[in-house]
Amino acid sequence: MFQLDLGSTKQYCDGQSRRSFLKLGVAGMACLGLPDLLRARQRSATRDTSVILIWLDGGPSHLDLYDMKPDAPAEYRGIWRPIRTRVPGLDITELFPRQARITDKFSVVRSLHHGTGDHFAGMHRMLTGKDLGVSGASRDPRFPSIGSMASHQLGPRRAGMPAYAVVPSSMNYYLGAHMLGSQHNPFMPGGDPNRPNYAVQNLNLARGLTLDRLERRRNLSRAFDDSRRHLEGNGTARAMDRYQQEALEFVTGEAARRAFDIGR
């Protein structure tokens, strides 16, 4: 039993006191043994969870899409008409009739915001979770992106897949790994996903290269890397090891090829 002596408390009408409930609650926690806690932690760590962030550098505002304020004066309300959705009380813009049919499948989070009108400051806040004085006059990133943090903490959830990808590519300052190391920068396949024959480059073996030859090259590269690591022992060498491992898994496996198949 774990007990804190915080003085006496009044009894409720059933004769129990607030302290009684605290005792029962802590005693219940003690019943959940360490093996159960470890099993629960393992289950949560192995959940097959992925996140897709659709990042728009420009576009209509929340006021124009999800909170049009039709009863406000003309100078404040949105310019488009609200329409009903499957969720009572949640009206959205008339531009999204198909989205209106699936509003019971997603949530609109209205509490996430920042108070700056500076695009660079806003991007840094939204993509890293930090302010740190970034602005249009001081644009350099000062913290890793959330995607890079996930890569650092979780790594790939599946062999042959990148932990963090940006499709097709981006020059955004704040999507990188910063002090976490270049191995946690996003994989950017490039190309134009709007093209009907879009395919990720470098997911197929070069012409004339077999898996046997690739494995021999890998062994030779590993021998060179081991020697270089002993000589250098720096972060760049470790990052190159990570890149080579990811490249091998990309071209020899099917996971990435399926994931980047836009037609699916």
Protein backbone atom coordinates (compact mmCIF):
# COMPACT_ATOMS: atom_id res chain seq x y z
CA MET A 1 0.00 0.00 0.00
CA PHE A 2 1.21 3.49 -0.90
CA GLN A 3 -0.21 6.21 1.33
CA LEU A 4 0.29 9.97 1.60
CA ASP A 5 -0.59 11.59 4.94
CA LEU A 6 -2.30 14.81 3.86
CA GLY A 7 -4.50 15.28 6.90
CA SER A 8 -8.09 14.29 7.59
CA THR A 9 -10.94 14.68 5.10
CA LYS A 10 -14.68 14.81 5.59
CA GLN A 11 -16.76 11.69 4.97
CA TYR A 12 -19.29 11.43 2.17
CA CYS A 13 -22.87 10.31 2.75
CA ASP A 14 -21.89 6.66 2.27
CA GLY A 15 -19.32 6.86 5.04
CA GLN A 16 -16.34 6.89 2.70
CA SER A 17 -13.83 9.73 2.54
CA ARG A 18 -11.89 11.16 -0.36
CA ARG A 19 -8.81 9.50 1.09
CA SER A 20 -10.53 6.10 0.79
CA PHE A 21 -10.91 6.59 -2.95
CA LEU A 22 -7.26 7.62 -3.25
CA LYS A 23 -6.20 4.47 -1.36
CA LEU A 24 -8.32 2.27 -3.60
CA GLY A 25 -7.02 3.96 -6.73
CA VAL A 26 -3.37 3.55 -5.82
CA ALA A 27 -3.95 -0.02 -4.67
CA GLY A 28 -5.51 -0.76 -8.06
CA MET A 29 -2.44 0.60 -9.79
CA ALA A 30 -0.27 -1.74 -7.74
CA CYS A 31 -2.24 -4.69 -9.11
CA LEU A 32 -0.93 -3.88 -12.58
CA GLY A 33 2.43 -5.57 -12.31
CA LEU A 34 5.61 -4.77 -14.13
CA PRO A 35 5.13 -7.53 -16.75
CA ASP A 36 1.75 -6.05 -17.68
CA LEU A 37 3.24 -2.57 -17.95
CA LEU A 38 6.05 -3.86 -20.15
CA ARG A 39 3.60 -5.74 -22.36
CA ALA A 40 1.45 -2.62 -22.72
CA ARG A 41 4.50 -0.55 -23.61
CA GLN A 42 5.56 -3.10 -26.22
CA ARG A 43 2.09 -3.14 -27.78
CA SER A 44 2.04 0.65 -28.04
CA ALA A 45 5.55 0.69 -29.50
CA THR A 46 4.70 -1.78 -32.26
CA ARG A 47 1.43 -0.26 -33.43
CA ASP A 48 1.43 0.18 -37.18
CA THR A 49 0.81 3.91 -37.12
CA SER A 50 1.57 6.34 -39.93
CA VAL A 51 0.91 10.05 -40.34
CA ILE A 52 0.42 11.92 -43.61
CA LEU A 53 0.79 15.71 -43.40
CA ILE A 54 -0.55 17.63 -46.39
CA TRP A 55 1.43 20.85 -46.16
CA LEU A 56 0.12 23.85 -48.13
CA ASP A 57 2.49 26.80 -48.35
CA GLY A 58 -0.46 28.85 -49.55
CA GLY A 59 -4.21 28.40 -49.72
CA PRO A 60 -7.60 29.44 -48.33
CA SER A 61 -7.75 30.17 -44.63
CA HIS A 62 -9.64 28.38 -41.88
CA LEU A 63 -12.16 31.24 -42.02
CA ASP A 64 -12.89 30.47 -45.68
CA LEU A 65 -13.15 26.70 -45.28
CA TYR A 66 -14.29 25.55 -41.84
CA ASP A 67 -15.46 28.62 -39.89
CA MET A 68 -17.13 31.01 -42.31
CA LYS A 69 -19.10 32.94 -39.65
CA PRO A 70 -22.11 33.57 -41.96
CA ASP A 71 -23.89 35.69 -39.32
CA ALA A 72 -20.96 38.07 -38.88
CA PRO A 73 -20.78 41.45 -40.70
CA ALA A 74 -19.67 41.25 -44.33
CA GLU A 75 -16.18 42.55 -43.59
CA TYR A 76 -15.57 39.62 -41.20
CA ARG A 77 -17.38 36.60 -42.58
CA GLY A 78 -16.00 34.24 -45.21
CA ILE A 79 -16.78 34.74 -48.89
CA TRP A 80 -18.21 31.26 -49.52
CA ARG A 81 -21.51 29.77 -48.42
CA PRO A 82 -21.50 27.12 -45.66
CA ILE A 83 -23.17 23.76 -46.29
CA ARG A 84 -24.44 21.09 -43.92
CA THR A 85 -22.38 17.99 -43.23
CA ARG A 86 -22.95 14.54 -41.71
CA VAL A 87 -22.01 15.97 -38.30
CA PRO A 88 -24.75 18.17 -36.79
CA GLY A 89 -23.46 21.66 -36.05
CA LEU A 90 -20.37 21.31 -38.27
CA ASP A 91 -20.84 23.30 -41.47
CA ILE A 92 -18.04 23.63 -44.01
CA THR A 93 -17.48 25.52 -47.24
CA GLU A 94 -19.57 24.83 -50.32
CA LEU A 95 -16.27 24.06 -52.10
CA PHE A 96 -16.06 20.72 -50.27
CA PRO A 97 -19.30 18.79 -50.98
CA ARG A 98 -17.53 15.40 -50.99
CA GLN A 99 -15.74 16.20 -47.76
CA ALA A 100 -19.08 17.12 -46.22
CA ARG A 101 -20.19 13.49 -46.70
CA ILE A 102 -17.31 12.10 -44.58
CA THR A 103 -17.06 14.60 -41.72
CA ASP A 104 -17.83 11.75 -39.32
CA LYS A 105 -14.45 10.24 -40.31
CA PHE A 106 -12.19 13.13 -39.24
CA SER A 107 -11.82 15.83 -36.61
CA VAL A 108 -11.34 19.56 -36.99
CA VAL A 109 -8.89 20.79 -34.34
CA ARG A 110 -9.58 24.47 -33.74
CA SER A 111 -7.22 24.97 -30.80
CA LEU A 112 -3.99 24.57 -32.82
CA HIS A 113 -2.82 28.01 -33.83
CA HIS A 114 -0.01 30.53 -33.65
CA GLY A 115 -0.19 34.27 -33.22
CA THR A 116 2.21 35.44 -35.90
CA GLY A 117 1.58 36.80 -39.37
CA ASP A 118 5.17 36.08 -40.43
CA HIS A 119 5.20 33.10 -42.82
CA PHE A 120 8.67 31.90 -41.80
CA ALA A 121 7.89 32.20 -38.10
CA GLY A 122 4.59 30.37 -38.62
CA MET A 123 6.19 27.56 -40.65
CA HIS A 124 8.88 27.01 -38.02
CA ARG A 125 6.27 26.84 -35.26
CA MET A 126 4.03 24.41 -37.15
CA LEU A 127 6.76 22.09 -38.50
CA THR A 128 9.02 21.99 -35.43
CA GLY A 129 6.74 22.95 -32.54
CA LYS A 130 9.16 25.72 -31.54
CA ASP A 131 9.35 29.50 -31.80
CA LEU A 132 13.04 30.24 -31.05
CA GLY A 133 12.96 33.66 -32.72
CA VAL A 134 12.70 32.51 -36.34
CA SER A 135 11.24 35.18 -38.64
CA GLY A 136 11.46 36.54 -42.17
CA ALA A 137 14.51 38.51 -41.06
CA SER A 138 16.13 35.45 -39.43
CA ARG A 139 15.04 32.41 -41.42
CA ASP A 140 17.56 29.73 -40.47
CA PRO A 141 16.00 26.61 -38.87
CA ARG A 142 16.77 26.21 -35.19
CA PHE A 143 15.13 22.88 -34.35
CA PRO A 144 14.43 19.54 -36.07
CA SER A 145 11.16 18.99 -37.89
CA ILE A 146 8.54 16.78 -36.28
CA GLY A 147 9.11 14.20 -39.03
CA SER A 148 12.82 14.07 -38.25
CA MET A 149 12.06 13.68 -34.55
CA ALA A 150 9.81 10.72 -35.36
CA SER A 151 12.58 9.23 -37.50
CA HIS A 152 15.09 9.67 -34.67
CA GLN A 153 12.85 8.20 -31.98
CA LEU A 154 10.99 5.47 -33.89
CA GLY A 155 12.91 4.73 -37.07
CA PRO A 156 11.17 2.95 -39.97
CA ARG A 157 8.08 1.02 -38.92
CA ARG A 158 8.75 -1.48 -41.72
CA ALA A 159 11.91 -2.79 -43.36
CA GLY A 160 12.53 -1.33 -46.79
CA MET A 161 10.63 1.87 -46.02
CA PRO A 162 11.91 5.33 -45.11
CA ALA A 163 10.99 6.56 -41.64
CA TYR A 164 10.22 10.02 -43.02
CA ALA A 165 9.47 11.05 -46.59
CA VAL A 166 8.51 14.29 -48.32
CA VAL A 167 6.73 13.74 -51.65
CA PRO A 168 7.79 14.76 -54.19
CA SER A 169 10.39 17.23 -52.82
CA SER A 170 10.61 20.55 -51.01
CA MET A 171 12.91 23.49 -50.47
CA ASN A 172 11.17 24.29 -47.17
CA TYR A 173 13.74 25.31 -44.58
CA TYR A 174 12.01 23.58 -41.71
CA LEU A 175 11.49 19.98 -42.87
CA GLY A 176 15.04 18.88 -42.05
CA ALA A 177 16.72 17.15 -39.12
CA HIS A 178 18.97 20.02 -37.97
CA MET A 179 21.06 18.82 -34.99
CA LEU A 180 19.71 15.24 -35.16
CA GLY A 181 21.95 14.46 -38.13
CA SER A 182 21.47 14.20 -41.88
CA GLN A 183 20.40 10.54 -41.64
CA HIS A 184 17.06 11.83 -40.28
CA ASN A 185 16.42 14.23 -43.15
CA PRO A 186 13.37 13.26 -45.25
CA PHE A 187 13.62 10.94 -48.24
CA MET A 188 12.52 13.02 -51.26
CA PRO A 189 11.75 10.93 -54.36
CA GLY A 190 11.26 13.94 -56.66
CA GLY A 191 9.36 13.85 -59.93
CA ASP A 192 5.78 14.94 -60.63
CA PRO A 193 3.09 12.76 -58.97
CA ASN A 194 0.49 14.30 -61.30
CA ARG A 195 2.00 12.47 -64.28
CA PRO A 196 0.23 9.21 -65.17
CA ASN A 197 3.53 7.32 -65.37
CA TYR A 198 4.94 8.72 -62.13
CA ALA A 199 7.49 6.45 -60.51
CA VAL A 200 10.04 6.93 -57.76
CA GLN A 201 13.56 7.07 -59.13
CA ASN A 202 16.26 4.67 -57.95
CA LEU A 203 13.85 1.94 -56.80
CA ASN A 204 15.06 -0.44 -59.50
CA LEU A 205 18.45 -2.01 -59.98
CA ALA A 206 20.68 -0.45 -62.63
CA ARG A 207 20.70 -2.26 -65.96
CA GLY A 208 22.98 -5.31 -65.84
CA LEU A 209 23.22 -5.31 -62.04
CA THR A 210 22.03 -8.55 -60.38
CA LEU A 211 21.30 -9.15 -56.72
CA ASP A 212 24.45 -11.30 -56.43
CA ARG A 213 26.63 -8.49 -57.80
CA LEU A 214 24.83 -6.01 -55.55
CA GLU A 215 25.57 -8.16 -52.50
CA ARG A 216 29.25 -8.38 -53.44
CA ARG A 217 29.38 -4.62 -53.81
CA ARG A 218 27.69 -4.28 -50.43
CA ASN A 219 30.29 -6.50 -48.74
CA LEU A 220 33.10 -4.52 -50.32
CA SER A 221 31.50 -1.25 -49.30
CA ARG A 222 31.07 -2.57 -45.73
CA ALA A 223 34.79 -3.40 -45.55
CA PHE A 224 35.71 0.10 -46.68
CA ASP A 225 33.21 1.62 -44.24
CA ASP A 226 34.63 -0.36 -41.31
CA SER A 227 38.10 0.93 -42.08
CA ARG A 228 36.86 4.47 -42.50
CA ARG A 229 34.92 4.32 -39.25
CA HIS A 230 38.04 3.36 -37.34
CA LEU A 231 39.87 6.29 -38.92
CA GLU A 232 37.17 8.93 -38.70
CA GLY A 233 34.49 7.92 -36.19
CA ASN A 234 32.42 10.95 -37.12
CA GLY A 235 28.75 11.58 -37.75
CA THR A 236 29.11 11.87 -41.52
CA ALA A 237 30.43 8.31 -41.82
CA ARG A 238 27.58 7.00 -39.67
CA ALA A 239 25.05 8.88 -41.79
CA MET A 240 26.49 7.36 -44.97
CA ASP A 241 26.11 3.89 -43.47
CA ARG A 242 22.43 4.63 -42.84
CA TYR A 243 21.93 5.91 -46.40
CA GLN A 244 23.54 2.82 -47.92
CA GLN A 245 21.40 0.50 -45.81
CA GLU A 246 18.22 2.34 -46.76
CA ALA A 247 19.18 2.34 -50.45
CA LEU A 248 19.74 -1.41 -50.40
CA GLU A 249 16.37 -2.06 -48.77
CA PHE A 250 14.66 0.25 -51.26
CA VAL A 251 15.94 -1.45 -54.40
CA THR A 252 15.75 -5.05 -53.18
CA GLY A 253 12.33 -4.93 -51.51
CA GLU A 254 8.74 -4.33 -52.56
CA ALA A 255 7.54 -2.19 -49.64
CA ALA A 256 8.70 1.19 -50.94
CA ARG A 257 7.66 0.37 -54.50
CA ARG A 258 4.11 -0.33 -53.31
CA ALA A 259 3.99 2.65 -50.96
CA PHE A 260 4.95 5.12 -53.70
CA ASP A 261 2.56 3.65 -56.27
CA ILE A 262 0.27 6.69 -56.58
CA GLY A 263 -2.30 4.61 -58.49
CA ARG A 264 -2.96 2.58 -55.32
